[in-house]
Amino acid sequence: MGLRVLEGVVERGQIRLRENLELPDNTRVYIIIPGEQAEVGHIYSPRLLNRSDLPDFQLEVREAGPDANI
């Protein structure tokens, strides 16, 4: 996949490229907005889809044997 960097401005909600370039319909583009603060992502606790899966996630405590420090 190649990469080409273009500069543009937003006018009335539309992005206008600085150079006169026509891109074909359905061209995939990525927009980077300099100076913008990125939103902070949140990592949520997992949720069980089925409560019947709960025993697979229960904590099991085992006592360490004599060779546990190896």
PDB file of N, CA and C in Angstrom:
ATOM      1  N   MET A   1       0.847  -1.171   0.000  1.00  0.00           N
ATOM      2  CA  MET A   1       0.000   0.000   0.000  1.00  0.00           C
ATOM      3  C   MET A   1       0.890   1.231   0.000  1.00  0.00           C
ATOM      4  N   GLY A   2       0.667   2.134  -0.909  1.00  0.00           N
ATOM      5  CA  GLY A   2       1.418   3.379  -0.967  1.00  0.00           C
ATOM      6  C   GLY A   2       0.803   4.430  -0.068  1.00  0.00           C
ATOM      7  N   LEU A   3       1.532   5.507   0.097  1.00  0.00           N
ATOM      8  CA  LEU A   3       1.059   6.585   0.952  1.00  0.00           C
ATOM      9  C   LEU A   3       1.354   7.911   0.270  1.00  0.00           C
ATOM     10  N   ARG A   4       0.377   8.771   0.251  1.00  0.00           N
ATOM     11  CA  ARG A   4       0.551  10.108  -0.310  1.00  0.00           C
ATOM     12  C   ARG A   4      -0.043  11.089   0.690  1.00  0.00           C
ATOM     13  N   VAL A   5       0.674  12.136   0.992  1.00  0.00           N
ATOM     14  CA  VAL A   5       0.214  13.128   1.956  1.00  0.00           C
ATOM     15  C   VAL A   5      -0.282  14.354   1.195  1.00  0.00           C
ATOM     16  N   LEU A   6      -1.490  14.774   1.494  1.00  0.00           N
ATOM     17  CA  LEU A   6      -2.085  15.956   0.876  1.00  0.00           C
ATOM     18  C   LEU A   6      -2.531  16.910   1.971  1.00  0.00           C
ATOM     19  N   GLU A   7      -2.498  18.194   1.696  1.00  0.00           N
ATOM     20  CA  GLU A   7      -2.968  19.178   2.659  1.00  0.00           C
ATOM     21  C   GLU A   7      -4.275  19.759   2.157  1.00  0.00           C
ATOM     22  N   GLY A   8      -5.156  20.063   3.076  1.00  0.00           N
ATOM     23  CA  GLY A   8      -6.428  20.654   2.708  1.00  0.00           C
ATOM     24  C   GLY A   8      -6.967  21.497   3.845  1.00  0.00           C
ATOM     25  N   VAL A   9      -8.120  22.111   3.600  1.00  0.00           N
ATOM     26  CA  VAL A   9      -8.808  22.908   4.607  1.00  0.00           C
ATOM     27  C   VAL A   9     -10.283  22.531   4.594  1.00  0.00           C
ATOM     28  N   VAL A  10     -10.949  22.829   5.693  1.00  0.00           N
ATOM     29  CA  VAL A  10     -12.383  22.579   5.776  1.00  0.00           C
ATOM     30  C   VAL A  10     -13.102  23.896   5.530  1.00  0.00           C
ATOM     31  N   GLU A  11     -14.011  23.876   4.579  1.00  0.00           N
ATOM     32  CA  GLU A  11     -14.832  25.047   4.266  1.00  0.00           C
ATOM     33  C   GLU A  11     -16.291  24.619   4.257  1.00  0.00           C
ATOM     34  N   ARG A  12     -17.066  25.210   5.145  1.00  0.00           N
ATOM     35  CA  ARG A  12     -18.497  24.891   5.246  1.00  0.00           C
ATOM     36  C   ARG A  12     -18.732  23.394   5.413  1.00  0.00           C
ATOM     37  N   GLY A  13     -17.878  22.758   6.217  1.00  0.00           N
ATOM     38  CA  GLY A  13     -18.050  21.340   6.513  1.00  0.00           C
ATOM     39  C   GLY A  13     -17.497  20.392   5.463  1.00  0.00           C
ATOM     40  N   GLN A  14     -16.943  20.923   4.389  1.00  0.00           N
ATOM     41  CA  GLN A  14     -16.384  20.085   3.321  1.00  0.00           C
ATOM     42  C   GLN A  14     -14.865  20.214   3.318  1.00  0.00           C
ATOM     43  N   ILE A  15     -14.168  19.136   3.036  1.00  0.00           N
ATOM     44  CA  ILE A  15     -12.715  19.171   2.955  1.00  0.00           C
ATOM     45  C   ILE A  15     -12.318  19.555   1.535  1.00  0.00           C
ATOM     46  N   ARG A  16     -11.505  20.607   1.425  1.00  0.00           N
ATOM     47  CA  ARG A  16     -11.019  21.053   0.110  1.00  0.00           C
ATOM     48  C   ARG A  16      -9.507  20.871   0.106  1.00  0.00           C
ATOM     49  N   LEU A  17      -9.022  20.093  -0.843  1.00  0.00           N
ATOM     50  CA  LEU A  17      -7.590  19.853  -0.954  1.00  0.00           C
ATOM     51  C   LEU A  17      -6.902  21.082  -1.531  1.00  0.00           C
ATOM     52  N   ARG A  18      -5.660  21.316  -1.087  1.00  0.00           N
ATOM     53  CA  ARG A  18      -4.897  22.468  -1.570  1.00  0.00           C
ATOM     54  C   ARG A  18      -4.542  22.318  -3.055  1.00  0.00           C
ATOM     55  N   GLU A  19      -4.192  21.109  -3.459  1.00  0.00           N
ATOM     56  CA  GLU A  19      -3.892  20.902  -4.874  1.00  0.00           C
ATOM     57  C   GLU A  19      -5.127  20.353  -5.572  1.00  0.00           C
ATOM     58  N   ASN A  20      -5.263  20.656  -6.827  1.00  0.00           N
ATOM     59  CA  ASN A  20      -6.420  20.234  -7.597  1.00  0.00           C
ATOM     60  C   ASN A  20      -6.244  18.765  -7.984  1.00  0.00           C
ATOM     61  N   LEU A  21      -6.783  17.881  -7.184  1.00  0.00           N
ATOM     62  CA  LEU A  21      -6.627  16.449  -7.387  1.00  0.00           C
ATOM     63  C   LEU A  21      -8.000  15.805  -7.366  1.00  0.00           C
ATOM     64  N   GLU A  22      -8.261  14.992  -8.350  1.00  0.00           N
ATOM     65  CA  GLU A  22      -9.524  14.269  -8.367  1.00  0.00           C
ATOM     66  C   GLU A  22      -9.260  12.832  -7.976  1.00  0.00           C
ATOM     67  N   LEU A  23      -9.944  12.392  -6.946  1.00  0.00           N
ATOM     68  CA  LEU A  23      -9.815  11.006  -6.488  1.00  0.00           C
ATOM     69  C   LEU A  23     -11.033  10.222  -6.952  1.00  0.00           C
ATOM     70  N   PRO A  24     -10.830   8.965  -7.344  1.00  0.00           N
ATOM     71  CA  PRO A  24     -11.973   8.153  -7.769  1.00  0.00           C
ATOM     72  C   PRO A  24     -12.932   7.899  -6.612  1.00  0.00           C
ATOM     73  N   ASP A  25     -14.194   7.687  -6.935  1.00  0.00           N
ATOM     74  CA  ASP A  25     -15.172   7.339  -5.915  1.00  0.00           C
ATOM     75  C   ASP A  25     -14.699   6.118  -5.128  1.00  0.00           C
ATOM     76  N   ASN A  26     -15.046   6.082  -3.872  1.00  0.00           N
ATOM     77  CA  ASN A  26     -14.723   4.983  -2.951  1.00  0.00           C
ATOM     78  C   ASN A  26     -13.234   4.866  -2.642  1.00  0.00           C
ATOM     79  N   THR A  27     -12.463   5.929  -2.910  1.00  0.00           N
ATOM     80  CA  THR A  27     -11.056   5.929  -2.519  1.00  0.00           C
ATOM     81  C   THR A  27     -10.990   6.036  -1.006  1.00  0.00           C
ATOM     82  N   ARG A  28     -10.222   5.163  -0.370  1.00  0.00           N
ATOM     83  CA  ARG A  28     -10.078   5.198   1.083  1.00  0.00           C
ATOM     84  C   ARG A  28      -9.091   6.300   1.447  1.00  0.00           C
ATOM     85  N   VAL A  29      -9.494   7.167   2.362  1.00  0.00           N
ATOM     86  CA  VAL A  29      -8.628   8.255   2.820  1.00  0.00           C
ATOM     87  C   VAL A  29      -8.611   8.257   4.350  1.00  0.00           C
ATOM     88  N   TYR A  30      -7.540   8.783   4.918  1.00  0.00           N
ATOM     89  CA  TYR A  30      -7.397   8.938   6.359  1.00  0.00           C
ATOM     90  C   TYR A  30      -7.142  10.406   6.629  1.00  0.00           C
ATOM     91  N   ILE A  31      -7.788  10.947   7.638  1.00  0.00           N
ATOM     92  CA  ILE A  31      -7.656  12.365   7.944  1.00  0.00           C
ATOM     93  C   ILE A  31      -6.975  12.517   9.292  1.00  0.00           C
ATOM     94  N   ILE A  32      -5.906  13.309   9.314  1.00  0.00           N
ATOM     95  CA  ILE A  32      -5.176  13.609  10.546  1.00  0.00           C
ATOM     96  C   ILE A  32      -5.359  15.098  10.799  1.00  0.00           C
ATOM     97  N   ILE A  33      -5.834  15.436  11.994  1.00  0.00           N
ATOM     98  CA  ILE A  33      -6.079  16.833  12.322  1.00  0.00           C
ATOM     99  C   ILE A  33      -4.991  17.289  13.291  1.00  0.00           C
ATOM    100  N   PRO A  34      -4.035  18.105  12.820  1.00  0.00           N
ATOM    101  CA  PRO A  34      -2.944  18.539  13.700  1.00  0.00           C
ATOM    102  C   PRO A  34      -3.457  19.446  14.809  1.00  0.00           C
ATOM    103  N   GLY A  35      -2.877  19.283  16.000  1.00  0.00           N
ATOM    104  CA  GLY A  35      -3.239  20.127  17.127  1.00  0.00           C
ATOM    105  C   GLY A  35      -4.479  19.690  17.877  1.00  0.00           C
ATOM    106  N   GLU A  36      -5.155  18.690  17.402  1.00  0.00           N
ATOM    107  CA  GLU A  36      -6.355  18.205  18.088  1.00  0.00           C
ATOM    108  C   GLU A  36      -5.966  17.290  19.229  1.00  0.00           C
ATOM    109  N   GLN A  37      -6.710  17.335  20.294  1.00  0.00           N
ATOM    110  CA  GLN A  37      -6.498  16.444  21.433  1.00  0.00           C
ATOM    111  C   GLN A  37      -7.245  15.145  21.157  1.00  0.00           C
ATOM    112  N   ALA A  38      -6.531  14.044  21.214  1.00  0.00           N
ATOM    113  CA  ALA A  38      -7.167  12.744  20.976  1.00  0.00           C
ATOM    114  C   ALA A  38      -8.066  12.389  22.154  1.00  0.00           C
ATOM    115  N   GLU A  39      -9.157  11.720  21.858  1.00  0.00           N
ATOM    116  CA  GLU A  39     -10.041  11.264  22.927  1.00  0.00           C
ATOM    117  C   GLU A  39      -9.364  10.136  23.687  1.00  0.00           C
ATOM    118  N   VAL A  40      -9.592  10.123  24.974  1.00  0.00           N
ATOM    119  CA  VAL A  40      -9.017   9.084  25.816  1.00  0.00           C
ATOM    120  C   VAL A  40      -9.892   7.848  25.707  1.00  0.00           C
ATOM    121  N   GLY A  41      -9.262   6.731  25.405  1.00  0.00           N
ATOM    122  CA  GLY A  41     -10.012   5.478  25.317  1.00  0.00           C
ATOM    123  C   GLY A  41     -10.261   4.892  26.687  1.00  0.00           C
ATOM    124  N   HIS A  42     -11.264   4.094  26.790  1.00  0.00           N
ATOM    125  CA  HIS A  42     -11.600   3.438  28.050  1.00  0.00           C
ATOM    126  C   HIS A  42     -11.557   1.933  27.849  1.00  0.00           C
ATOM    127  N   ILE A  43     -10.985   1.262  28.807  1.00  0.00           N
ATOM    128  CA  ILE A  43     -10.981  -0.196  28.784  1.00  0.00           C
ATOM    129  C   ILE A  43     -11.969  -0.649  29.839  1.00  0.00           C
ATOM    130  N   TYR A  44     -12.987  -1.303  29.392  1.00  0.00           N
ATOM    131  CA  TYR A  44     -14.032  -1.747  30.296  1.00  0.00           C
ATOM    132  C   TYR A  44     -13.787  -3.189  30.721  1.00  0.00           C
ATOM    133  N   SER A  45     -14.349  -3.555  31.852  1.00  0.00           N
ATOM    134  CA  SER A  45     -14.253  -4.928  32.315  1.00  0.00           C
ATOM    135  C   SER A  45     -15.031  -5.826  31.366  1.00  0.00           C
ATOM    136  N   PRO A  46     -14.535  -7.030  31.148  1.00  0.00           N
ATOM    137  CA  PRO A  46     -15.272  -7.935  30.255  1.00  0.00           C
ATOM    138  C   PRO A  46     -16.610  -8.335  30.870  1.00  0.00           C
ATOM    139  N   ARG A  47     -17.536  -8.603  30.034  1.00  0.00           N
ATOM    140  CA  ARG A  47     -18.864  -9.034  30.463  1.00  0.00           C
ATOM    141  C   ARG A  47     -19.112 -10.433  29.910  1.00  0.00           C
ATOM    142  N   LEU A  48     -19.741 -11.253  30.710  1.00  0.00           N
ATOM    143  CA  LEU A  48     -20.073 -12.596  30.255  1.00  0.00           C
ATOM    144  C   LEU A  48     -21.294 -12.550  29.350  1.00  0.00           C
ATOM    145  N   LEU A  49     -21.220 -13.282  28.277  1.00  0.00           N
ATOM    146  CA  LEU A  49     -22.361 -13.378  27.393  1.00  0.00           C
ATOM    147  C   LEU A  49     -23.397 -14.325  27.988  1.00  0.00           C
ATOM    148  N   ASN A  50     -22.907 -15.425  28.554  1.00  0.00           N
ATOM    149  CA  ASN A  50     -23.787 -16.414  29.182  1.00  0.00           C
ATOM    150  C   ASN A  50     -23.335 -16.657  30.616  1.00  0.00           C
ATOM    151  N   ARG A  51     -24.253 -16.568  31.551  1.00  0.00           N
ATOM    152  CA  ARG A  51     -23.898 -16.800  32.953  1.00  0.00           C
ATOM    153  C   ARG A  51     -23.415 -18.230  33.170  1.00  0.00           C
ATOM    154  N   SER A  52     -23.740 -19.131  32.286  1.00  0.00           N
ATOM    155  CA  SER A  52     -23.286 -20.518  32.431  1.00  0.00           C
ATOM    156  C   SER A  52     -21.765 -20.629  32.262  1.00  0.00           C
ATOM    157  N   ASP A  53     -21.119 -19.593  31.704  1.00  0.00           N
ATOM    158  CA  ASP A  53     -19.661 -19.578  31.544  1.00  0.00           C
ATOM    159  C   ASP A  53     -18.941 -19.109  32.801  1.00  0.00           C
ATOM    160  N   LEU A  54     -19.668 -18.686  33.823  1.00  0.00           N
ATOM    161  CA  LEU A  54     -19.061 -18.132  35.026  1.00  0.00           C
ATOM    162  C   LEU A  54     -18.043 -19.060  35.695  1.00  0.00           C
ATOM    163  N   PRO A  55     -18.278 -20.372  35.808  1.00  0.00           N
ATOM    164  CA  PRO A  55     -17.272 -21.228  36.454  1.00  0.00           C
ATOM    165  C   PRO A  55     -15.909 -21.209  35.759  1.00  0.00           C
ATOM    166  N   ASP A  56     -15.864 -20.907  34.470  1.00  0.00           N
ATOM    167  CA  ASP A  56     -14.587 -20.840  33.751  1.00  0.00           C
ATOM    168  C   ASP A  56     -13.731 -19.663  34.202  1.00  0.00           C
ATOM    169  N   PHE A  57     -14.330 -18.680  34.875  1.00  0.00           N
ATOM    170  CA  PHE A  57     -13.618 -17.466  35.253  1.00  0.00           C
ATOM    171  C   PHE A  57     -13.455 -17.305  36.763  1.00  0.00           C
ATOM    172  N   GLN A  58     -13.808 -18.317  37.548  1.00  0.00           N
ATOM    173  CA  GLN A  58     -13.671 -18.202  38.990  1.00  0.00           C
ATOM    174  C   GLN A  58     -12.218 -18.412  39.397  1.00  0.00           C
ATOM    175  N   LEU A  59     -11.798 -17.648  40.411  1.00  0.00           N
ATOM    176  CA  LEU A  59     -10.432 -17.679  40.906  1.00  0.00           C
ATOM    177  C   LEU A  59     -10.153 -18.990  41.623  1.00  0.00           C
ATOM    178  N   GLU A  60      -9.037 -19.583  41.292  1.00  0.00           N
ATOM    179  CA  GLU A  60      -8.608 -20.808  41.956  1.00  0.00           C
ATOM    180  C   GLU A  60      -7.311 -20.509  42.683  1.00  0.00           C
ATOM    181  N   VAL A  61      -7.262 -20.723  43.988  1.00  0.00           N
ATOM    182  CA  VAL A  61      -6.087 -20.447  44.803  1.00  0.00           C
ATOM    183  C   VAL A  61      -5.412 -21.773  45.117  1.00  0.00           C
ATOM    184  N   ARG A  62      -4.110 -21.826  44.799  1.00  0.00           N
ATOM    185  CA  ARG A  62      -3.339 -23.031  45.082  1.00  0.00           C
ATOM    186  C   ARG A  62      -2.201 -22.690  46.021  1.00  0.00           C
ATOM    187  N   GLU A  63      -1.914 -23.568  46.937  1.00  0.00           N
ATOM    188  CA  GLU A  63      -0.792 -23.360  47.848  1.00  0.00           C
ATOM    189  C   GLU A  63       0.497 -23.710  47.111  1.00  0.00           C
ATOM    190  N   ALA A  64       1.505 -22.856  47.275  1.00  0.00           N
ATOM    191  CA  ALA A  64       2.776 -23.091  46.605  1.00  0.00           C
ATOM    192  C   ALA A  64       3.490 -24.280  47.207  1.00  0.00           C
ATOM    193  N   GLY A  65       4.011 -25.119  46.342  1.00  0.00           N
ATOM    194  CA  GLY A  65       4.770 -26.304  46.794  1.00  0.00           C
ATOM    195  C   GLY A  65       6.201 -25.936  47.138  1.00  0.00           C
ATOM    196  N   PRO A  66       6.990 -26.891  47.604  1.00  0.00           N
ATOM    197  CA  PRO A  66       8.377 -26.615  48.013  1.00  0.00           C
ATOM    198  C   PRO A  66       9.262 -26.151  46.864  1.00  0.00           C
ATOM    199  N   ASP A  67       8.944 -26.477  45.623  1.00  0.00           N
ATOM    200  CA  ASP A  67       9.769 -26.060  44.495  1.00  0.00           C
ATOM    201  C   ASP A  67       9.221 -24.822  43.778  1.00  0.00           C
ATOM    202  N   ALA A  68       8.371 -24.051  44.441  1.00  0.00           N
ATOM    203  CA  ALA A  68       7.727 -22.898  43.819  1.00  0.00           C
ATOM    204  C   ALA A  68       8.707 -21.770  43.523  1.00  0.00           C
ATOM    205  N   ASN A  69       9.850 -21.727  44.186  1.00  0.00           N
ATOM    206  CA  ASN A  69      10.802 -20.631  43.968  1.00  0.00           C
ATOM    207  C   ASN A  69      11.775 -20.919  42.832  1.00  0.00           C
ATOM    208  N   ILE A  70      11.575 -21.962  42.077  1.00  0.00           N
ATOM    209  CA  ILE A  70      12.501 -22.314  41.002  1.00  0.00           C
ATOM    210  C   ILE A  70      12.299 -21.379  39.836  1.00  0.00           C
TER     211      ILE A  70
END
